[in-house]
PDB file of N, CA and C in Angstrom:
ATOM      1  N   UNK A   1      18.647-107.348  29.695  1.00  0.00           N
ATOM      2  CA  UNK A   1      17.888-107.422  28.619  1.00  0.00           C
ATOM      3  C   UNK A   1      16.291-107.410  28.639  1.00  0.00           C
ATOM      4  N   UNK A   2      15.692-106.698  28.046  1.00  0.00           N
ATOM      5  CA  UNK A   2      14.407-106.207  28.218  1.00  0.00           C
ATOM      6  C   UNK A   2      13.498-107.472  27.516  1.00  0.00           C
ATOM      7  N   UNK A   3      12.471-107.982  27.876  1.00  0.00           N
ATOM      8  CA  UNK A   3      11.395-108.736  27.895  1.00  0.00           C
ATOM      9  C   UNK A   3      10.437-108.402  26.765  1.00  0.00           C
ATOM     10  N   UNK A   4      10.387-106.773  26.487  1.00  0.00           N
ATOM     11  CA  UNK A   4       9.346-106.313  25.756  1.00  0.00           C
ATOM     12  C   UNK A   4       9.787-106.438  24.088  1.00  0.00           C
ATOM     13  N   UNK A   5       9.152-107.047  23.417  1.00  0.00           N
ATOM     14  CA  UNK A   5       9.603-107.023  21.915  1.00  0.00           C
ATOM     15  C   UNK A   5       9.090-105.605  21.363  1.00  0.00           C
ATOM     16  N   UNK A   6      10.521-105.228  20.452  1.00  0.00           N
ATOM     17  CA  UNK A   6      10.411-104.132  20.244  1.00  0.00           C
ATOM     18  C   UNK A   6      10.137-103.939  18.539  1.00  0.00           C
ATOM     19  N   UNK A   7       8.941-102.993  18.308  1.00  0.00           N
ATOM     20  CA  UNK A   7       8.266-102.909  16.790  1.00  0.00           C
ATOM     21  C   UNK A   7       8.306-102.044  16.572  1.00  0.00           C
ATOM     22  N   UNK A   8       8.283-101.432  15.166  1.00  0.00           N
ATOM     23  CA  UNK A   8       8.060-100.160  14.461  1.00  0.00           C
ATOM     24  C   UNK A   8       6.400 -99.936  14.380  1.00  0.00           C
ATOM     25  N   UNK A   9       6.192 -98.688  15.004  1.00  0.00           N
ATOM     26  CA  UNK A   9       4.771 -98.145  15.072  1.00  0.00           C
ATOM     27  C   UNK A   9       4.053 -98.607  14.122  1.00  0.00           C
ATOM     28  N   UNK A  10       4.427 -98.107  12.848  1.00  0.00           N
ATOM     29  CA  UNK A  10       3.667 -98.398  11.578  1.00  0.00           C
ATOM     30  C   UNK A  10       3.539 -99.843  11.115  1.00  0.00           C
ATOM     31  N   UNK A  11       4.000-100.631  12.141  1.00  0.00           N
ATOM     32  CA  UNK A  11       3.606-102.211  11.942  1.00  0.00           C
ATOM     33  C   UNK A  11       2.693-102.906  12.498  1.00  0.00           C
ATOM     34  N   UNK A  12       2.435-102.035  13.798  1.00  0.00           N
ATOM     35  CA  UNK A  12       0.993-102.393  14.691  1.00  0.00           C
ATOM     36  C   UNK A  12      -0.001-101.276  15.012  1.00  0.00           C
ATOM     37  N   UNK A  13       0.322-100.113  14.100  1.00  0.00           N
ATOM     38  CA  UNK A  13      -0.822 -99.022  14.005  1.00  0.00           C
ATOM     39  C   UNK A  13      -1.111 -98.572  12.133  1.00  0.00           C
ATOM     40  N   UNK A  14      -1.909 -97.734  12.332  1.00  0.00           N
ATOM     41  CA  UNK A  14      -2.239 -97.051  11.402  1.00  0.00           C
ATOM     42  C   UNK A  14      -1.867 -95.357  11.827  1.00  0.00           C
ATOM     43  N   UNK A  15      -1.538 -94.988  11.002  1.00  0.00           N
ATOM     44  CA  UNK A  15      -1.198 -93.305  11.256  1.00  0.00           C
ATOM     45  C   UNK A  15      -1.335 -92.280   9.897  1.00  0.00           C
ATOM     46  N   UNK A  16      -1.698 -91.121  10.435  1.00  0.00           N
ATOM     47  CA  UNK A  16      -2.058 -90.349   9.334  1.00  0.00           C
ATOM     48  C   UNK A  16      -1.834 -89.125   9.858  1.00  0.00           C
ATOM     49  N   UNK A  17      -1.893 -88.015   8.707  1.00  0.00           N
ATOM     50  CA  UNK A  17      -1.850 -86.572   9.124  1.00  0.00           C
ATOM     51  C   UNK A  17      -3.107 -86.050  10.099  1.00  0.00           C
ATOM     52  N   UNK A  18      -3.060 -85.716  11.303  1.00  0.00           N
ATOM     53  CA  UNK A  18      -4.400 -84.710  11.723  1.00  0.00           C
ATOM     54  C   UNK A  18      -5.110 -84.139  11.159  1.00  0.00           C
ATOM     55  N   UNK A  19      -6.212 -83.561  11.713  1.00  0.00           N
ATOM     56  CA  UNK A  19      -6.754 -82.673  11.189  1.00  0.00           C
ATOM     57  C   UNK A  19      -6.312 -81.031  11.322  1.00  0.00           C
ATOM     58  N   UNK A  20      -6.731 -80.050  10.766  1.00  0.00           N
ATOM     59  CA  UNK A  20      -6.674 -78.805  10.514  1.00  0.00           C
ATOM     60  C   UNK A  20      -7.014 -78.067  11.914  1.00  0.00           C
ATOM     61  N   UNK A  21      -6.216 -77.207  12.403  1.00  0.00           N
ATOM     62  CA  UNK A  21      -6.629 -76.086  13.507  1.00  0.00           C
ATOM     63  C   UNK A  21      -7.331 -74.749  12.920  1.00  0.00           C
ATOM     64  N   UNK A  22      -8.733 -75.194  12.400  1.00  0.00           N
ATOM     65  CA  UNK A  22      -8.953 -73.868  11.786  1.00  0.00           C
ATOM     66  C   UNK A  22     -10.685 -73.901  12.440  1.00  0.00           C
ATOM     67  N   UNK A  23     -10.471 -72.672  13.044  1.00  0.00           N
ATOM     68  CA  UNK A  23     -11.782 -72.515  14.033  1.00  0.00           C
ATOM     69  C   UNK A  23     -12.989 -72.535  13.650  1.00  0.00           C
ATOM     70  N   UNK A  24     -12.941 -72.060  12.431  1.00  0.00           N
ATOM     71  CA  UNK A  24     -14.127 -72.118  11.865  1.00  0.00           C
ATOM     72  C   UNK A  24     -15.094 -73.154  11.462  1.00  0.00           C
ATOM     73  N   UNK A  25     -14.386 -74.298  11.040  1.00  0.00           N
ATOM     74  CA  UNK A  25     -14.536 -75.699  11.014  1.00  0.00           C
ATOM     75  C   UNK A  25     -14.659 -76.657  12.207  1.00  0.00           C
ATOM     76  N   UNK A  26     -14.075 -76.316  13.223  1.00  0.00           N
ATOM     77  CA  UNK A  26     -13.868 -77.256  14.262  1.00  0.00           C
ATOM     78  C   UNK A  26     -14.957 -76.787  15.415  1.00  0.00           C
ATOM     79  N   UNK A  27     -15.881 -78.250  14.885  1.00  0.00           N
ATOM     80  CA  UNK A  27     -17.053 -78.705  16.007  1.00  0.00           C
ATOM     81  C   UNK A  27     -16.925 -79.746  16.982  1.00  0.00           C
ATOM     82  N   UNK A  28     -17.767 -79.807  17.859  1.00  0.00           N
ATOM     83  CA  UNK A  28     -17.678 -81.282  18.199  1.00  0.00           C
ATOM     84  C   UNK A  28     -17.370 -81.034  19.933  1.00  0.00           C
ATOM     85  N   UNK A  29     -16.863 -81.860  20.631  1.00  0.00           N
ATOM     86  CA  UNK A  29     -16.421 -81.930  22.153  1.00  0.00           C
ATOM     87  C   UNK A  29     -14.776 -81.319  22.604  1.00  0.00           C
ATOM     88  N   UNK A  30     -14.337 -80.538  23.121  1.00  0.00           N
ATOM     89  CA  UNK A  30     -13.071 -80.580  23.246  1.00  0.00           C
ATOM     90  C   UNK A  30     -12.290 -81.946  23.676  1.00  0.00           C
ATOM     91  N   UNK A  31     -11.284 -82.503  22.998  1.00  0.00           N
ATOM     92  CA  UNK A  31     -10.402 -83.563  23.403  1.00  0.00           C
ATOM     93  C   UNK A  31      -9.115 -83.525  23.540  1.00  0.00           C
ATOM     94  N   UNK A  32      -8.199 -84.175  24.113  1.00  0.00           N
ATOM     95  CA  UNK A  32      -7.015 -83.887  24.159  1.00  0.00           C
ATOM     96  C   UNK A  32      -6.146 -84.463  22.731  1.00  0.00           C
ATOM     97  N   UNK A  33      -4.990 -83.941  22.241  1.00  0.00           N
ATOM     98  CA  UNK A  33      -4.859 -84.768  21.153  1.00  0.00           C
ATOM     99  C   UNK A  33      -3.009 -84.279  21.067  1.00  0.00           C
ATOM    100  N   UNK A  34      -2.766 -85.081  20.653  1.00  0.00           N
ATOM    101  CA  UNK A  34      -1.142 -85.142  20.483  1.00  0.00           C
ATOM    102  C   UNK A  34      -0.648 -84.307  19.414  1.00  0.00           C
ATOM    103  N   UNK A  35       0.325 -83.357  19.604  1.00  0.00           N
ATOM    104  CA  UNK A  35       0.793 -82.468  18.865  1.00  0.00           C
ATOM    105  C   UNK A  35       2.005 -82.492  18.372  1.00  0.00           C
ATOM    106  N   UNK A  36       2.841 -82.410  17.320  1.00  0.00           N
ATOM    107  CA  UNK A  36       3.911 -82.565  16.988  1.00  0.00           C
ATOM    108  C   UNK A  36       5.093 -82.623  18.080  1.00  0.00           C
ATOM    109  N   UNK A  37       5.024 -81.437  19.044  1.00  0.00           N
ATOM    110  CA  UNK A  37       5.816 -81.260  19.897  1.00  0.00           C
ATOM    111  C   UNK A  37       5.562 -82.507  21.156  1.00  0.00           C
ATOM    112  N   UNK A  38       4.482 -83.165  21.256  1.00  0.00           N
ATOM    113  CA  UNK A  38       4.148 -84.519  22.168  1.00  0.00           C
ATOM    114  C   UNK A  38       5.235 -85.811  21.702  1.00  0.00           C
ATOM    115  N   UNK A  39       5.436 -85.578  20.383  1.00  0.00           N
ATOM    116  CA  UNK A  39       6.223 -86.635  19.782  1.00  0.00           C
ATOM    117  C   UNK A  39       7.536 -86.737  19.740  1.00  0.00           C
ATOM    118  N   UNK A  40       8.074 -87.919  20.448  1.00  0.00           N
ATOM    119  CA  UNK A  40       9.607 -87.664  20.804  1.00  0.00           C
ATOM    120  C   UNK A  40       9.860 -88.828  20.083  1.00  0.00           C
ATOM    121  N   UNK A  41      11.497 -89.109  19.626  1.00  0.00           N
ATOM    122  CA  UNK A  41      12.131 -90.155  19.311  1.00  0.00           C
ATOM    123  C   UNK A  41      11.828 -91.261  20.352  1.00  0.00           C
ATOM    124  N   UNK A  42      11.168 -92.205  20.071  1.00  0.00           N
ATOM    125  CA  UNK A  42      11.274 -93.662  21.023  1.00  0.00           C
ATOM    126  C   UNK A  42      10.136 -93.729  22.071  1.00  0.00           C
ATOM    127  N   UNK A  43       9.249 -92.154  22.016  1.00  0.00           N
ATOM    128  CA  UNK A  43       8.336 -91.878  22.716  1.00  0.00           C
ATOM    129  C   UNK A  43       7.425 -91.071  23.032  1.00  0.00           C
ATOM    130  N   UNK A  44       6.442 -90.710  23.764  1.00  0.00           N
ATOM    131  CA  UNK A  44       5.351 -89.669  23.226  1.00  0.00           C
ATOM    132  C   UNK A  44       5.276 -89.276  24.826  1.00  0.00           C
ATOM    133  N   UNK A  45       5.071 -87.626  24.928  1.00  0.00           N
ATOM    134  CA  UNK A  45       4.936 -87.015  25.718  1.00  0.00           C
ATOM    135  C   UNK A  45       3.373 -86.623  26.282  1.00  0.00           C
ATOM    136  N   UNK A  46       2.869 -87.267  27.226  1.00  0.00           N
ATOM    137  CA  UNK A  46       1.588 -87.142  27.463  1.00  0.00           C
ATOM    138  C   UNK A  46       1.043 -85.806  28.283  1.00  0.00           C
ATOM    139  N   UNK A  47       2.210 -85.228  28.784  1.00  0.00           N
ATOM    140  CA  UNK A  47       1.769 -83.992  29.923  1.00  0.00           C
ATOM    141  C   UNK A  47       1.349 -82.767  29.084  1.00  0.00           C
ATOM    142  N   UNK A  48       0.777 -82.167  29.444  1.00  0.00           N
ATOM    143  CA  UNK A  48       0.191 -80.990  28.886  1.00  0.00           C
ATOM    144  C   UNK A  48      -0.249 -80.731  27.344  1.00  0.00           C
ATOM    145  N   UNK A  49      -1.137 -81.826  27.005  1.00  0.00           N
ATOM    146  CA  UNK A  49      -1.687 -81.911  25.802  1.00  0.00           C
ATOM    147  C   UNK A  49      -2.897 -80.961  25.735  1.00  0.00           C
ATOM    148  N   UNK A  50      -2.765 -80.423  24.053  1.00  0.00           N
ATOM    149  CA  UNK A  50      -3.316 -79.171  23.832  1.00  0.00           C
ATOM    150  C   UNK A  50      -4.865 -79.714  23.627  1.00  0.00           C
ATOM    151  N   UNK A  51      -6.107 -79.156  23.529  1.00  0.00           N
ATOM    152  CA  UNK A  51      -7.132 -79.723  23.217  1.00  0.00           C
ATOM    153  C   UNK A  51      -7.791 -78.934  22.008  1.00  0.00           C
ATOM    154  N   UNK A  52      -8.709 -79.895  21.318  1.00  0.00           N
ATOM    155  CA  UNK A  52      -9.231 -79.351  19.998  1.00  0.00           C
ATOM    156  C   UNK A  52     -10.645 -79.951  20.030  1.00  0.00           C
ATOM    157  N   UNK A  53     -11.360 -79.159  19.384  1.00  0.00           N
ATOM    158  CA  UNK A  53     -12.559 -79.789  19.129  1.00  0.00           C
ATOM    159  C   UNK A  53     -12.720 -81.151  17.938  1.00  0.00           C
ATOM    160  N   UNK A  54     -13.372 -82.531  18.575  1.00  0.00           N
ATOM    161  CA  UNK A  54     -13.829 -83.507  17.605  1.00  0.00           C
ATOM    162  C   UNK A  54     -15.030 -83.869  17.913  1.00  0.00           C
ATOM    163  N   UNK A  55     -15.673 -83.761  16.665  1.00  0.00           N
ATOM    164  CA  UNK A  55     -17.118 -84.404  16.307  1.00  0.00           C
ATOM    165  C   UNK A  55     -16.986 -86.158  16.339  1.00  0.00           C
ATOM    166  N   UNK A  56     -18.087 -86.495  17.127  1.00  0.00           N
ATOM    167  CA  UNK A  56     -18.351 -87.965  16.982  1.00  0.00           C
ATOM    168  C   UNK A  56     -18.173 -88.563  15.930  1.00  0.00           C
ATOM    169  N   UNK A  57     -18.927 -88.010  15.033  1.00  0.00           N
ATOM    170  CA  UNK A  57     -18.684 -88.925  13.786  1.00  0.00           C
ATOM    171  C   UNK A  57     -17.250 -89.301  13.194  1.00  0.00           C
ATOM    172  N   UNK A  58     -16.180 -88.461  13.699  1.00  0.00           N
ATOM    173  CA  UNK A  58     -14.466 -89.081  13.602  1.00  0.00           C
ATOM    174  C   UNK A  58     -14.382 -89.972  13.986  1.00  0.00           C
ATOM    175  N   UNK A  59     -15.166 -90.724  14.935  1.00  0.00           N
ATOM    176  CA  UNK A  59     -15.011 -91.998  15.000  1.00  0.00           C
ATOM    177  C   UNK A  59     -13.895 -92.177  15.866  1.00  0.00           C
ATOM    178  N   UNK A  60     -13.348 -93.404  15.408  1.00  0.00           N
ATOM    179  CA  UNK A  60     -11.892 -94.070  15.949  1.00  0.00           C
ATOM    180  C   UNK A  60     -10.433 -93.325  15.041  1.00  0.00           C
ATOM    181  N   UNK A  61     -10.935 -92.756  14.234  1.00  0.00           N
ATOM    182  CA  UNK A  61     -10.082 -91.923  13.151  1.00  0.00           C
ATOM    183  C   UNK A  61      -8.896 -91.208  14.286  1.00  0.00           C
ATOM    184  N   UNK A  62      -9.492 -90.892  15.174  1.00  0.00           N
ATOM    185  CA  UNK A  62      -8.515 -89.849  15.788  1.00  0.00           C
ATOM    186  C   UNK A  62      -8.282 -90.015  17.219  1.00  0.00           C
ATOM    187  N   UNK A  63      -8.113 -91.391  17.308  1.00  0.00           N
ATOM    188  CA  UNK A  63      -8.034 -92.076  18.617  1.00  0.00           C
ATOM    189  C   UNK A  63      -6.371 -92.813  19.077  1.00  0.00           C
ATOM    190  N   UNK A  64      -6.067 -92.730  20.142  1.00  0.00           N
ATOM    191  CA  UNK A  64      -5.046 -93.830  20.314  1.00  0.00           C
ATOM    192  C   UNK A  64      -5.446 -94.593  21.422  1.00  0.00           C
ATOM    193  N   UNK A  65      -5.382 -95.904  21.287  1.00  0.00           N
ATOM    194  CA  UNK A  65      -5.692 -96.900  22.530  1.00  0.00           C
ATOM    195  C   UNK A  65      -4.220 -97.246  22.951  1.00  0.00           C
TER     196      UNK A  65
END
């Protein structure tokens, strides 16, 4: 039996839809992001993450800790 406690992601975090991939509006530095294809049942796939531009003003809105 696992010593890890199981929690629903929504119980320990805030989630929202991400930003749109609109090249004309995207400014800032390229950063990796989780796309729909990286989200699995019960896990995240952090291999081969796509990159998009994020402005510093977005702050912690788009961060996974």
